[in-house]
Amino acid sequence: MKSKRNMIIAFLLCATLIVGVGYAAVAEQLTVDGSASYHTSSITGLDGVIHFTGNTMIVNAEHNAVADNGALIINVTAGTQAATIDANFTNTNITAFHSNSQYLAGIIFEIEIDNSGDGVVDDLQLVFDEIAISGEVGIGQPFGLSSAIKDGNTNAAQVLEGITVAAGETKIVYLHVQLSMLESIVTNNNTDVADTAFKVVLPIEKVEA
């Protein structure tokens, strides 16, 4: 490992849990960053119902919590649907995520589904559609990415395809995002890895009675 390897990733989680992209910092830059969306009435009805609690966890390949070592910085506020991760891996801090012939860094976001609002009398049934991942991540790329929505924050937690929240109740689910990188990228290269952007989209649909 002759030099540090850097990666800065940012993402935006919208009402349908859309994770956006991040850009490399340069000495001088002009940036325009934003999003636009359209929702049917059933999806708009979920505004404020699904949101981050603000609780997060960083784990390694064995799903053990990793103390803050500067590799991953998470910015998320309770009650919102936007979160940011800045990942800046170096040949020092990345060792905490080593596993066999690769590095695996997991970020877990706690999400609340609140069906306890005033006047709520019906159960809320949601379907989590297949997560779509795009960007410069995947086979043959420096970084790989996987994601799932689960009923817990452990490695053995069940992947969810849907959930029902009774009237007057709240439930917690967890968005798992895992970044991976081959060990050979660190050991065989003598230049920094270019900044990489990605997008994770988790569509959530409300099932109408």
N, C-alpha and C. Protein backbone atom coordinates (compact mmCIF):
# COMPACT_ATOMS: atom_id res chain seq x y z
N MET A 1 0.84 -1.18 0.00
CA MET A 1 0.00 0.00 0.00
C MET A 1 0.88 1.23 0.00
N LYS A 2 1.19 1.72 -1.20
CA LYS A 2 2.18 2.79 -1.31
C LYS A 2 1.58 4.17 -1.15
N SER A 3 0.30 4.31 -1.33
CA SER A 3 -0.32 5.61 -1.14
C SER A 3 -1.75 5.43 -0.71
N LYS A 4 -2.31 6.48 -0.17
CA LYS A 4 -3.68 6.32 0.33
C LYS A 4 -4.66 6.27 -0.83
N ARG A 5 -5.74 5.57 -0.59
CA ARG A 5 -6.81 5.44 -1.58
C ARG A 5 -8.02 6.24 -1.09
N ASN A 6 -8.50 7.10 -1.93
CA ASN A 6 -9.58 7.99 -1.50
C ASN A 6 -10.88 7.66 -2.19
N MET A 7 -11.93 7.89 -1.49
CA MET A 7 -13.25 7.80 -2.10
C MET A 7 -14.19 8.72 -1.36
N ILE A 8 -14.89 9.57 -2.08
CA ILE A 8 -15.89 10.43 -1.45
C ILE A 8 -17.22 10.11 -2.08
N ILE A 9 -18.15 9.64 -1.28
CA ILE A 9 -19.45 9.25 -1.80
C ILE A 9 -20.51 10.01 -1.03
N ALA A 10 -21.49 10.56 -1.74
CA ALA A 10 -22.60 11.20 -1.04
C ALA A 10 -23.88 10.68 -1.63
N PHE A 11 -24.90 10.60 -0.81
CA PHE A 11 -26.16 10.21 -1.41
C PHE A 11 -27.34 10.86 -0.72
N LEU A 12 -28.43 10.97 -1.48
CA LEU A 12 -29.63 11.66 -1.05
C LEU A 12 -30.78 10.68 -1.00
N LEU A 13 -31.47 10.62 0.13
CA LEU A 13 -32.61 9.72 0.27
C LEU A 13 -33.88 10.55 0.25
N CYS A 14 -34.71 10.37 -0.80
CA CYS A 14 -35.93 11.16 -0.97
C CYS A 14 -37.12 10.41 -0.39
N ALA A 15 -38.36 10.90 -0.72
CA ALA A 15 -39.57 10.31 -0.13
C ALA A 15 -39.70 8.84 -0.47
N THR A 16 -39.18 8.44 -1.63
CA THR A 16 -39.22 7.03 -1.98
C THR A 16 -37.89 6.36 -1.68
N LEU A 17 -37.12 6.94 -0.82
CA LEU A 17 -35.80 6.45 -0.45
C LEU A 17 -34.90 6.36 -1.67
N ILE A 18 -34.57 7.50 -2.23
CA ILE A 18 -33.66 7.58 -3.36
C ILE A 18 -32.33 8.09 -2.85
N VAL A 19 -31.28 7.36 -3.14
CA VAL A 19 -29.95 7.74 -2.68
C VAL A 19 -29.22 8.38 -3.85
N GLY A 20 -28.78 9.63 -3.69
CA GLY A 20 -28.19 10.39 -4.79
C GLY A 20 -26.69 10.25 -4.89
N VAL A 21 -26.01 11.18 -5.56
CA VAL A 21 -24.60 11.04 -5.88
C VAL A 21 -23.77 12.10 -5.19
N GLY A 22 -22.47 11.87 -5.15
CA GLY A 22 -21.55 12.84 -4.58
C GLY A 22 -20.46 13.19 -5.56
N TYR A 23 -19.75 14.27 -5.32
CA TYR A 23 -18.74 14.74 -6.26
C TYR A 23 -17.44 15.01 -5.53
N ALA A 24 -16.36 14.87 -6.26
CA ALA A 24 -15.04 15.09 -5.68
C ALA A 24 -14.83 16.56 -5.38
N ALA A 25 -14.16 16.83 -4.28
CA ALA A 25 -13.81 18.20 -3.95
C ALA A 25 -12.57 18.62 -4.73
N VAL A 26 -12.60 19.85 -5.29
CA VAL A 26 -11.45 20.38 -6.02
C VAL A 26 -11.15 21.76 -5.48
N ALA A 27 -10.05 22.32 -5.96
CA ALA A 27 -9.63 23.62 -5.42
C ALA A 27 -10.67 24.70 -5.69
N GLU A 28 -11.21 24.72 -6.91
CA GLU A 28 -12.24 25.67 -7.26
C GLU A 28 -13.30 24.93 -8.05
N GLN A 29 -14.57 25.23 -7.77
CA GLN A 29 -15.61 24.51 -8.48
C GLN A 29 -16.93 25.28 -8.47
N LEU A 30 -17.73 25.02 -9.47
CA LEU A 30 -19.10 25.49 -9.53
C LEU A 30 -19.97 24.25 -9.56
N THR A 31 -20.94 24.17 -8.66
CA THR A 31 -21.74 22.97 -8.55
C THR A 31 -23.23 23.32 -8.54
N VAL A 32 -23.99 22.60 -9.33
CA VAL A 32 -25.44 22.67 -9.28
C VAL A 32 -25.93 21.30 -8.90
N ASP A 33 -26.67 21.20 -7.79
CA ASP A 33 -27.05 19.90 -7.25
C ASP A 33 -28.50 19.98 -6.80
N GLY A 34 -29.32 19.03 -7.23
CA GLY A 34 -30.71 19.06 -6.82
C GLY A 34 -31.45 17.83 -7.29
N SER A 35 -32.76 17.82 -7.06
CA SER A 35 -33.57 16.68 -7.48
C SER A 35 -34.97 17.15 -7.80
N ALA A 36 -35.66 16.37 -8.63
CA ALA A 36 -37.05 16.66 -8.96
C ALA A 36 -37.78 15.34 -8.98
N SER A 37 -39.05 15.33 -8.56
CA SER A 37 -39.79 14.09 -8.53
C SER A 37 -41.28 14.34 -8.68
N TYR A 38 -42.00 13.28 -9.02
CA TYR A 38 -43.45 13.32 -9.11
C TYR A 38 -44.00 12.10 -8.40
N HIS A 39 -45.05 12.28 -7.62
CA HIS A 39 -45.64 11.16 -6.91
C HIS A 39 -47.15 11.12 -7.14
N THR A 40 -47.68 9.93 -7.27
CA THR A 40 -49.12 9.79 -7.27
C THR A 40 -49.63 10.04 -5.86
N SER A 41 -50.93 10.15 -5.72
CA SER A 41 -51.50 10.48 -4.42
C SER A 41 -51.16 9.43 -3.37
N SER A 42 -51.08 8.15 -3.78
CA SER A 42 -50.78 7.10 -2.81
C SER A 42 -49.37 7.23 -2.25
N ILE A 43 -48.42 7.64 -3.11
CA ILE A 43 -47.05 7.80 -2.64
C ILE A 43 -46.93 9.09 -1.83
N THR A 44 -47.58 10.16 -2.29
CA THR A 44 -47.53 11.41 -1.55
C THR A 44 -48.07 11.22 -0.15
N GLY A 45 -49.02 10.29 0.00
CA GLY A 45 -49.58 10.01 1.30
C GLY A 45 -48.58 9.47 2.29
N LEU A 46 -47.40 9.10 1.82
CA LEU A 46 -46.36 8.58 2.70
C LEU A 46 -45.42 9.68 3.19
N ASP A 47 -45.57 10.88 2.68
CA ASP A 47 -44.71 11.97 3.12
C ASP A 47 -44.82 12.15 4.63
N GLY A 48 -43.70 12.12 5.30
CA GLY A 48 -43.67 12.27 6.74
C GLY A 48 -43.93 10.98 7.50
N VAL A 49 -44.45 9.98 6.80
CA VAL A 49 -44.73 8.70 7.45
C VAL A 49 -43.45 7.87 7.55
N ILE A 50 -42.61 7.94 6.53
CA ILE A 50 -41.36 7.18 6.50
C ILE A 50 -40.20 8.15 6.58
N HIS A 51 -39.33 7.97 7.56
CA HIS A 51 -38.23 8.91 7.72
C HIS A 51 -37.10 8.28 8.54
N PHE A 52 -35.94 8.89 8.46
CA PHE A 52 -34.80 8.48 9.26
C PHE A 52 -35.05 8.79 10.74
N THR A 53 -34.57 7.93 11.61
CA THR A 53 -34.60 8.24 13.04
C THR A 53 -33.36 9.02 13.46
N GLY A 54 -32.34 9.01 12.61
CA GLY A 54 -31.06 9.63 12.96
C GLY A 54 -30.06 8.65 13.51
N ASN A 55 -30.49 7.43 13.83
CA ASN A 55 -29.58 6.41 14.34
C ASN A 55 -28.93 5.64 13.19
N THR A 56 -27.62 5.49 13.26
CA THR A 56 -26.88 4.77 12.23
C THR A 56 -25.84 3.87 12.89
N MET A 57 -25.31 2.96 12.09
CA MET A 57 -24.26 2.06 12.57
C MET A 57 -23.30 1.78 11.43
N ILE A 58 -22.01 1.79 11.74
CA ILE A 58 -20.97 1.40 10.78
C ILE A 58 -20.41 0.06 11.22
N VAL A 59 -20.39 -0.91 10.29
CA VAL A 59 -19.95 -2.26 10.64
C VAL A 59 -18.92 -2.75 9.65
N ASN A 60 -18.17 -3.79 10.07
CA ASN A 60 -17.21 -4.43 9.18
C ASN A 60 -17.81 -5.69 8.57
N ALA A 61 -16.99 -6.50 7.92
CA ALA A 61 -17.48 -7.69 7.24
C ALA A 61 -18.12 -8.68 8.18
N GLU A 62 -17.68 -8.73 9.44
CA GLU A 62 -18.25 -9.64 10.43
C GLU A 62 -19.46 -9.01 11.13
N HIS A 63 -19.85 -7.85 10.66
CA HIS A 63 -20.99 -7.11 11.19
C HIS A 63 -20.75 -6.63 12.62
N ASN A 64 -19.50 -6.45 12.96
CA ASN A 64 -19.14 -5.83 14.23
C ASN A 64 -19.04 -4.32 14.05
N ALA A 65 -19.51 -3.59 15.04
CA ALA A 65 -19.47 -2.14 14.94
C ALA A 65 -18.04 -1.64 14.88
N VAL A 66 -17.80 -0.65 14.02
CA VAL A 66 -16.48 -0.05 13.86
C VAL A 66 -16.52 1.35 14.46
N ALA A 67 -15.57 1.63 15.34
CA ALA A 67 -15.50 2.96 15.95
C ALA A 67 -15.13 4.00 14.89
N ASP A 68 -15.46 5.23 15.17
CA ASP A 68 -15.16 6.33 14.26
C ASP A 68 -13.65 6.38 14.01
N ASN A 69 -13.26 6.14 12.76
CA ASN A 69 -11.84 6.21 12.41
C ASN A 69 -11.60 7.13 11.22
N GLY A 70 -12.61 7.92 10.88
CA GLY A 70 -12.47 8.88 9.80
C GLY A 70 -12.76 8.33 8.42
N ALA A 71 -12.99 7.03 8.31
CA ALA A 71 -13.24 6.44 7.00
C ALA A 71 -14.62 6.81 6.46
N LEU A 72 -15.61 6.83 7.35
CA LEU A 72 -16.98 7.11 6.93
C LEU A 72 -17.58 8.18 7.84
N ILE A 73 -18.10 9.21 7.24
CA ILE A 73 -18.77 10.27 7.99
C ILE A 73 -20.22 10.31 7.53
N ILE A 74 -21.15 10.13 8.47
CA ILE A 74 -22.57 10.07 8.14
C ILE A 74 -23.26 11.30 8.69
N ASN A 75 -24.04 11.94 7.85
CA ASN A 75 -24.82 13.12 8.25
C ASN A 75 -26.29 12.82 8.02
N VAL A 76 -27.05 12.64 9.08
CA VAL A 76 -28.47 12.34 8.96
C VAL A 76 -29.20 12.95 10.14
N THR A 77 -30.36 13.52 9.88
CA THR A 77 -31.14 14.18 10.92
C THR A 77 -32.46 13.43 11.11
N ALA A 78 -32.83 13.20 12.34
CA ALA A 78 -34.07 12.50 12.65
C ALA A 78 -35.26 13.25 12.06
N GLY A 79 -36.19 12.48 11.50
CA GLY A 79 -37.40 13.06 10.95
C GLY A 79 -37.30 13.50 9.51
N THR A 80 -36.11 13.37 8.92
CA THR A 80 -35.91 13.79 7.54
C THR A 80 -35.78 12.57 6.62
N GLN A 81 -35.76 12.83 5.33
CA GLN A 81 -35.60 11.78 4.34
C GLN A 81 -34.34 12.02 3.51
N ALA A 82 -33.37 12.69 4.10
CA ALA A 82 -32.11 12.96 3.41
C ALA A 82 -30.95 12.57 4.30
N ALA A 83 -29.97 11.90 3.72
CA ALA A 83 -28.78 11.49 4.47
C ALA A 83 -27.57 11.57 3.55
N THR A 84 -26.41 11.75 4.16
CA THR A 84 -25.18 11.86 3.39
C THR A 84 -24.10 10.99 4.00
N ILE A 85 -23.35 10.31 3.14
CA ILE A 85 -22.15 9.59 3.57
C ILE A 85 -20.96 10.16 2.81
N ASP A 86 -19.92 10.52 3.53
CA ASP A 86 -18.63 10.84 2.92
C ASP A 86 -17.67 9.70 3.28
N ALA A 87 -17.23 8.97 2.27
CA ALA A 87 -16.30 7.86 2.50
C ALA A 87 -14.93 8.28 1.98
N ASN A 88 -13.96 8.27 2.86
CA ASN A 88 -12.60 8.68 2.50
C ASN A 88 -11.64 7.62 3.05
N PHE A 89 -11.41 6.59 2.24
CA PHE A 89 -10.58 5.48 2.67
C PHE A 89 -9.10 5.78 2.43
N THR A 90 -8.27 5.46 3.42
CA THR A 90 -6.83 5.56 3.28
C THR A 90 -6.22 4.21 3.63
N ASN A 91 -4.93 4.05 3.36
CA ASN A 91 -4.29 2.77 3.66
C ASN A 91 -4.16 2.52 5.16
N THR A 92 -4.59 3.50 5.97
CA THR A 92 -4.59 3.32 7.42
C THR A 92 -5.97 2.94 7.94
N ASN A 93 -6.97 3.74 7.60
CA ASN A 93 -8.29 3.50 8.20
C ASN A 93 -9.07 2.37 7.53
N ILE A 94 -8.67 1.97 6.33
CA ILE A 94 -9.42 0.92 5.64
C ILE A 94 -9.17 -0.46 6.24
N THR A 95 -8.10 -0.60 7.01
CA THR A 95 -7.76 -1.92 7.57
C THR A 95 -8.86 -2.45 8.49
N ALA A 96 -9.64 -1.57 9.08
CA ALA A 96 -10.72 -2.01 9.98
C ALA A 96 -11.79 -2.81 9.24
N PHE A 97 -11.81 -2.70 7.91
CA PHE A 97 -12.85 -3.36 7.12
C PHE A 97 -12.31 -4.53 6.30
N HIS A 98 -11.08 -4.97 6.60
CA HIS A 98 -10.48 -6.04 5.81
C HIS A 98 -11.15 -7.38 6.09
N SER A 99 -11.38 -8.15 5.03
CA SER A 99 -11.96 -9.48 5.15
C SER A 99 -11.46 -10.35 4.00
N ASN A 100 -10.63 -11.35 4.33
CA ASN A 100 -10.07 -12.24 3.31
C ASN A 100 -9.37 -11.44 2.22
N SER A 101 -9.88 -11.45 1.00
CA SER A 101 -9.21 -10.77 -0.11
C SER A 101 -9.90 -9.47 -0.50
N GLN A 102 -10.70 -8.90 0.42
CA GLN A 102 -11.39 -7.67 0.10
C GLN A 102 -11.64 -6.85 1.36
N TYR A 103 -12.19 -5.67 1.16
CA TYR A 103 -12.60 -4.79 2.24
C TYR A 103 -14.11 -4.59 2.14
N LEU A 104 -14.80 -4.69 3.27
CA LEU A 104 -16.25 -4.53 3.30
C LEU A 104 -16.64 -3.56 4.40
N ALA A 105 -17.26 -2.46 4.02
CA ALA A 105 -17.70 -1.44 4.97
C ALA A 105 -19.21 -1.31 4.88
N GLY A 106 -19.90 -1.55 5.98
CA GLY A 106 -21.35 -1.48 5.98
C GLY A 106 -21.87 -0.27 6.73
N ILE A 107 -22.91 0.34 6.20
CA ILE A 107 -23.58 1.46 6.86
C ILE A 107 -25.05 1.09 7.01
N ILE A 108 -25.58 1.18 8.21
CA ILE A 108 -26.96 0.80 8.48
C ILE A 108 -27.72 2.01 8.97
N PHE A 109 -28.82 2.32 8.29
CA PHE A 109 -29.68 3.45 8.65
C PHE A 109 -30.97 2.93 9.26
N GLU A 110 -31.31 3.46 10.41
CA GLU A 110 -32.58 3.11 11.04
C GLU A 110 -33.69 4.01 10.48
N ILE A 111 -34.79 3.39 10.06
CA ILE A 111 -35.89 4.11 9.43
C ILE A 111 -37.18 3.81 10.19
N GLU A 112 -37.95 4.84 10.48
CA GLU A 112 -39.21 4.67 11.19
C GLU A 112 -40.38 4.78 10.22
N ILE A 113 -41.34 3.88 10.37
CA ILE A 113 -42.61 3.96 9.66
C ILE A 113 -43.68 4.28 10.70
N ASP A 114 -44.25 5.45 10.60
CA ASP A 114 -45.15 5.97 11.65
C ASP A 114 -46.59 5.98 11.14
N ASN A 115 -47.41 5.14 11.73
CA ASN A 115 -48.83 5.08 11.37
C ASN A 115 -49.69 5.46 12.58
N SER A 116 -49.17 6.40 13.37
CA SER A 116 -49.84 6.79 14.62
C SER A 116 -50.38 8.21 14.59
N GLY A 117 -50.50 8.77 13.38
CA GLY A 117 -50.94 10.15 13.28
C GLY A 117 -52.39 10.35 13.70
N ASP A 118 -52.75 11.61 13.90
CA ASP A 118 -54.12 11.95 14.29
C ASP A 118 -55.11 11.45 13.25
N GLY A 119 -56.14 10.78 13.71
CA GLY A 119 -57.19 10.34 12.82
C GLY A 119 -56.90 9.07 12.04
N VAL A 120 -55.76 8.46 12.27
CA VAL A 120 -55.42 7.22 11.56
C VAL A 120 -56.25 6.07 12.13
N VAL A 121 -56.98 5.39 11.25
CA VAL A 121 -57.81 4.28 11.69
C VAL A 121 -57.52 3.00 10.91
N ASP A 122 -56.75 3.11 9.83
CA ASP A 122 -56.48 1.96 8.98
C ASP A 122 -55.03 1.50 9.12
N ASP A 123 -54.83 0.19 9.00
CA ASP A 123 -53.47 -0.33 8.94
C ASP A 123 -52.78 0.18 7.69
N LEU A 124 -51.47 0.33 7.76
CA LEU A 124 -50.67 0.79 6.62
C LEU A 124 -49.88 -0.38 6.07
N GLN A 125 -50.13 -0.74 4.83
CA GLN A 125 -49.42 -1.84 4.20
C GLN A 125 -48.51 -1.30 3.12
N LEU A 126 -47.22 -1.61 3.24
CA LEU A 126 -46.22 -1.11 2.29
C LEU A 126 -45.53 -2.27 1.59
N VAL A 127 -45.13 -2.03 0.36
CA VAL A 127 -44.34 -2.99 -0.41
C VAL A 127 -43.01 -2.33 -0.76
N PHE A 128 -41.91 -3.01 -0.48
CA PHE A 128 -40.59 -2.51 -0.84
C PHE A 128 -40.19 -3.17 -2.17
N ASP A 129 -40.15 -2.37 -3.23
CA ASP A 129 -39.76 -2.91 -4.52
C ASP A 129 -38.26 -3.15 -4.58
N GLU A 130 -37.81 -3.78 -5.64
CA GLU A 130 -36.39 -4.14 -5.77
C GLU A 130 -35.51 -2.90 -5.79
N ILE A 131 -34.46 -2.95 -5.02
CA ILE A 131 -33.51 -1.84 -4.96
C ILE A 131 -32.71 -1.79 -6.25
N ALA A 132 -32.62 -0.61 -6.84
CA ALA A 132 -31.84 -0.40 -8.06
C ALA A 132 -30.56 0.35 -7.71
N ILE A 133 -29.45 -0.13 -8.23
CA ILE A 133 -28.15 0.50 -7.98
C ILE A 133 -27.54 0.91 -9.32
N SER A 134 -27.09 2.14 -9.40
CA SER A 134 -26.45 2.62 -10.62
C SER A 134 -25.20 3.42 -10.26
N GLY A 135 -24.41 3.74 -11.27
CA GLY A 135 -23.17 4.49 -11.05
C GLY A 135 -21.95 3.64 -11.33
N GLU A 136 -20.80 4.18 -11.02
CA GLU A 136 -19.54 3.52 -11.32
C GLU A 136 -19.16 2.54 -10.22
N VAL A 137 -20.06 1.62 -9.95
CA VAL A 137 -19.83 0.59 -8.94
C VAL A 137 -20.27 -0.75 -9.54
N GLY A 138 -19.60 -1.81 -9.12
CA GLY A 138 -19.97 -3.12 -9.63
C GLY A 138 -18.77 -3.92 -10.08
N ILE A 139 -19.04 -5.01 -10.77
CA ILE A 139 -17.97 -5.91 -11.23
C ILE A 139 -17.03 -5.17 -12.16
N GLY A 140 -15.75 -5.27 -11.89
CA GLY A 140 -14.74 -4.62 -12.72
C GLY A 140 -14.45 -3.19 -12.33
N GLN A 141 -15.20 -2.65 -11.38
CA GLN A 141 -14.99 -1.29 -10.91
C GLN A 141 -14.21 -1.32 -9.59
N PRO A 142 -13.58 -0.20 -9.23
CA PRO A 142 -12.85 -0.19 -7.96
C PRO A 142 -13.73 -0.53 -6.76
N PHE A 143 -14.96 -0.04 -6.80
CA PHE A 143 -15.86 -0.25 -5.67
C PHE A 143 -17.10 -1.02 -6.09
N GLY A 144 -17.54 -1.92 -5.21
CA GLY A 144 -18.81 -2.59 -5.40
C GLY A 144 -19.81 -2.09 -4.39
N LEU A 145 -21.07 -2.34 -4.63
CA LEU A 145 -22.11 -1.83 -3.76
C LEU A 145 -23.27 -2.81 -3.71
N SER A 146 -23.81 -3.03 -2.52
CA SER A 146 -25.03 -3.81 -2.36
C SER A 146 -25.88 -3.14 -1.30
N SER A 147 -27.18 -3.40 -1.35
CA SER A 147 -28.08 -2.76 -0.40
C SER A 147 -29.33 -3.61 -0.21
N ALA A 148 -29.92 -3.52 0.98
CA ALA A 148 -31.14 -4.26 1.28
C ALA A 148 -31.89 -3.55 2.39
N ILE A 149 -33.19 -3.75 2.42
CA ILE A 149 -34.01 -3.27 3.53
C ILE A 149 -34.34 -4.47 4.40
N LYS A 150 -34.03 -4.39 5.72
CA LYS A 150 -34.17 -5.54 6.60
C LYS A 150 -34.97 -5.18 7.84
N ASP A 151 -35.37 -6.23 8.57
CA ASP A 151 -36.15 -6.01 9.79
C ASP A 151 -35.27 -5.85 11.02
N GLY A 152 -33.96 -5.85 10.85
CA GLY A 152 -33.04 -5.68 11.97
C GLY A 152 -31.71 -5.13 11.50
N ASN A 153 -30.83 -4.84 12.47
CA ASN A 153 -29.52 -4.28 12.11
C ASN A 153 -28.40 -5.31 12.25
N THR A 154 -28.76 -6.58 12.28
CA THR A 154 -27.76 -7.64 12.34
C THR A 154 -27.58 -8.27 10.97
N ASN A 155 -26.50 -9.00 10.82
CA ASN A 155 -26.23 -9.64 9.54
C ASN A 155 -27.28 -10.69 9.21
N ALA A 156 -27.88 -11.29 10.25
CA ALA A 156 -28.87 -12.35 10.04
C ALA A 156 -30.30 -11.81 9.93
N ALA A 157 -30.47 -10.51 9.96
CA ALA A 157 -31.81 -9.93 9.88
C ALA A 157 -32.47 -10.31 8.55
N GLN A 158 -33.78 -10.40 8.58
CA GLN A 158 -34.53 -10.83 7.42
C GLN A 158 -34.71 -9.69 6.42
N VAL A 159 -34.48 -10.00 5.13
CA VAL A 159 -34.74 -9.03 4.08
C VAL A 159 -36.25 -8.88 3.91
N LEU A 160 -36.72 -7.66 3.83
CA LEU A 160 -38.15 -7.39 3.75
C LEU A 160 -38.60 -7.10 2.33
N GLU A 161 -39.73 -7.65 1.97
CA GLU A 161 -40.39 -7.30 0.71
C GLU A 161 -41.60 -6.41 0.96
N GLY A 162 -42.04 -6.39 2.21
CA GLY A 162 -43.17 -5.56 2.57
C GLY A 162 -43.36 -5.57 4.07
N ILE A 163 -44.25 -4.71 4.55
CA ILE A 163 -44.49 -4.62 5.99
C ILE A 163 -45.87 -4.01 6.21
N THR A 164 -46.52 -4.42 7.29
CA THR A 164 -47.80 -3.85 7.69
C THR A 164 -47.65 -3.21 9.06
N VAL A 165 -48.09 -1.97 9.17
CA VAL A 165 -48.03 -1.25 10.44
C VAL A 165 -49.46 -0.96 10.88
N ALA A 166 -49.84 -1.47 12.01
CA ALA A 166 -51.20 -1.30 12.50
C ALA A 166 -51.49 0.16 12.81
N ALA A 167 -52.75 0.51 12.74
CA ALA A 167 -53.16 1.88 13.06
C ALA A 167 -52.75 2.22 14.48
N GLY A 168 -52.15 3.39 14.65
CA GLY A 168 -51.72 3.84 15.96
C GLY A 168 -50.35 3.34 16.37
N GLU A 169 -49.67 2.61 15.49
CA GLU A 169 -48.37 2.05 15.84
C GLU A 169 -47.27 2.58 14.93
N THR A 170 -46.03 2.34 15.36
CA THR A 170 -44.85 2.63 14.54
C THR A 170 -43.99 1.37 14.46
N LYS A 171 -43.23 1.24 13.39
CA LYS A 171 -42.29 0.14 13.25
C LYS A 171 -40.97 0.67 12.72
N ILE A 172 -39.90 -0.05 13.05
CA ILE A 172 -38.56 0.31 12.62
C ILE A 172 -38.06 -0.71 11.62
N VAL A 173 -37.49 -0.23 10.52
CA VAL A 173 -36.80 -1.07 9.55
C VAL A 173 -35.42 -0.49 9.33
N TYR A 174 -34.57 -1.23 8.62
CA TYR A 174 -33.17 -0.82 8.50
C TYR A 174 -32.72 -0.92 7.05
N LEU A 175 -32.14 0.17 6.56
CA LEU A 175 -31.55 0.19 5.23
C LEU A 175 -30.07 -0.13 5.36
N HIS A 176 -29.66 -1.27 4.79
CA HIS A 176 -28.27 -1.71 4.84
C HIS A 176 -27.59 -1.35 3.51
N VAL A 177 -26.48 -0.67 3.58
CA VAL A 177 -25.68 -0.35 2.40
C VAL A 177 -24.26 -0.84 2.65
N GLN A 178 -23.71 -1.60 1.71
CA GLN A 178 -22.36 -2.14 1.89
C GLN A 178 -21.46 -1.76 0.72
N LEU A 179 -20.33 -1.17 1.05
CA LEU A 179 -19.30 -0.84 0.06
C LEU A 179 -18.22 -1.91 0.11
N SER A 180 -17.75 -2.33 -1.05
CA SER A 180 -16.70 -3.33 -1.10
C SER A 180 -15.59 -2.90 -2.04
N MET A 181 -14.37 -3.38 -1.78
CA MET A 181 -13.23 -3.10 -2.63
C MET A 181 -12.26 -4.27 -2.53
N LEU A 182 -11.72 -4.72 -3.66
CA LEU A 182 -10.78 -5.81 -3.65
C LEU A 182 -9.48 -5.41 -2.98
N GLU A 183 -8.89 -6.34 -2.26
CA GLU A 183 -7.61 -6.10 -1.61
C GLU A 183 -6.53 -5.75 -2.63
N SER A 184 -6.62 -6.34 -3.81
CA SER A 184 -5.59 -6.12 -4.84
C SER A 184 -5.54 -4.67 -5.31
N ILE A 185 -6.65 -3.96 -5.19
CA ILE A 185 -6.65 -2.56 -5.59
C ILE A 185 -5.74 -1.75 -4.68
N VAL A 186 -5.70 -2.11 -3.43
CA VAL A 186 -4.84 -1.42 -2.47
C VAL A 186 -3.39 -1.85 -2.63
N THR A 187 -3.15 -3.14 -2.78
CA THR A 187 -1.79 -3.66 -2.77
C THR A 187 -1.06 -3.51 -4.11
N ASN A 188 -1.80 -3.50 -5.21
CA ASN A 188 -1.15 -3.53 -6.52
C ASN A 188 -1.06 -2.17 -7.20
N ASN A 189 -1.84 -1.20 -6.75
CA ASN A 189 -1.82 0.11 -7.38
C ASN A 189 -0.96 1.08 -6.58
N ASN A 190 -0.37 2.02 -7.30
CA ASN A 190 0.44 3.02 -6.62
C ASN A 190 -0.11 4.43 -6.84
N THR A 191 -1.39 4.49 -7.21
CA THR A 191 -2.06 5.78 -7.35
C THR A 191 -3.38 5.73 -6.60
N ASP A 192 -3.91 6.90 -6.29
CA ASP A 192 -5.19 6.97 -5.60
C ASP A 192 -6.32 6.45 -6.49
N VAL A 193 -7.32 5.89 -5.87
CA VAL A 193 -8.51 5.47 -6.60
C VAL A 193 -9.40 6.68 -6.82
N ALA A 194 -9.87 6.86 -8.04
CA ALA A 194 -10.68 8.03 -8.36
C ALA A 194 -11.97 8.04 -7.55
N ASP A 195 -12.45 9.25 -7.25
CA ASP A 195 -13.72 9.39 -6.55
C ASP A 195 -14.83 8.71 -7.36
N THR A 196 -15.74 8.09 -6.67
CA THR A 196 -16.77 7.28 -7.32
C THR A 196 -18.15 7.71 -6.83
N ALA A 197 -19.08 7.85 -7.76
CA ALA A 197 -20.45 8.23 -7.43
C ALA A 197 -21.38 7.06 -7.68
N PHE A 198 -22.42 6.96 -6.87
CA PHE A 198 -23.41 5.91 -7.10
C PHE A 198 -24.78 6.38 -6.64
N LYS A 199 -25.78 5.62 -7.05
CA LYS A 199 -27.16 5.92 -6.65
C LYS A 199 -27.85 4.62 -6.27
N VAL A 200 -28.55 4.66 -5.15
CA VAL A 200 -29.36 3.53 -4.72
C VAL A 200 -30.80 4.00 -4.62
N VAL A 201 -31.70 3.29 -5.28
CA VAL A 201 -33.11 3.69 -5.28
C VAL A 201 -33.94 2.56 -4.70
N LEU A 202 -34.68 2.84 -3.64
CA LEU A 202 -35.59 1.88 -3.03
C LEU A 202 -37.02 2.40 -3.16
N PRO A 203 -37.76 1.93 -4.16
CA PRO A 203 -39.16 2.39 -4.29
C PRO A 203 -40.03 1.76 -3.20
N ILE A 204 -40.92 2.57 -2.63
CA ILE A 204 -41.85 2.10 -1.61
C ILE A 204 -43.26 2.41 -2.08
N GLU A 205 -44.10 1.40 -2.11
CA GLU A 205 -45.46 1.58 -2.57
C GLU A 205 -46.45 1.31 -1.44
N LYS A 206 -47.46 2.13 -1.39
CA LYS A 206 -48.55 1.95 -0.42
C LYS A 206 -49.63 1.09 -1.08
N VAL A 207 -49.99 0.02 -0.40
CA VAL A 207 -51.03 -0.87 -0.92
C VAL A 207 -52.39 -0.33 -0.51
N GLU A 208 -53.19 -0.02 -1.52
CA GLU A 208 -54.52 0.51 -1.25
C GLU A 208 -55.51 -0.61 -0.98
N ALA A 209 -56.42 -0.38 -0.06
CA ALA A 209 -57.44 -1.38 0.28
C ALA A 209 -58.38 -1.58 -0.89
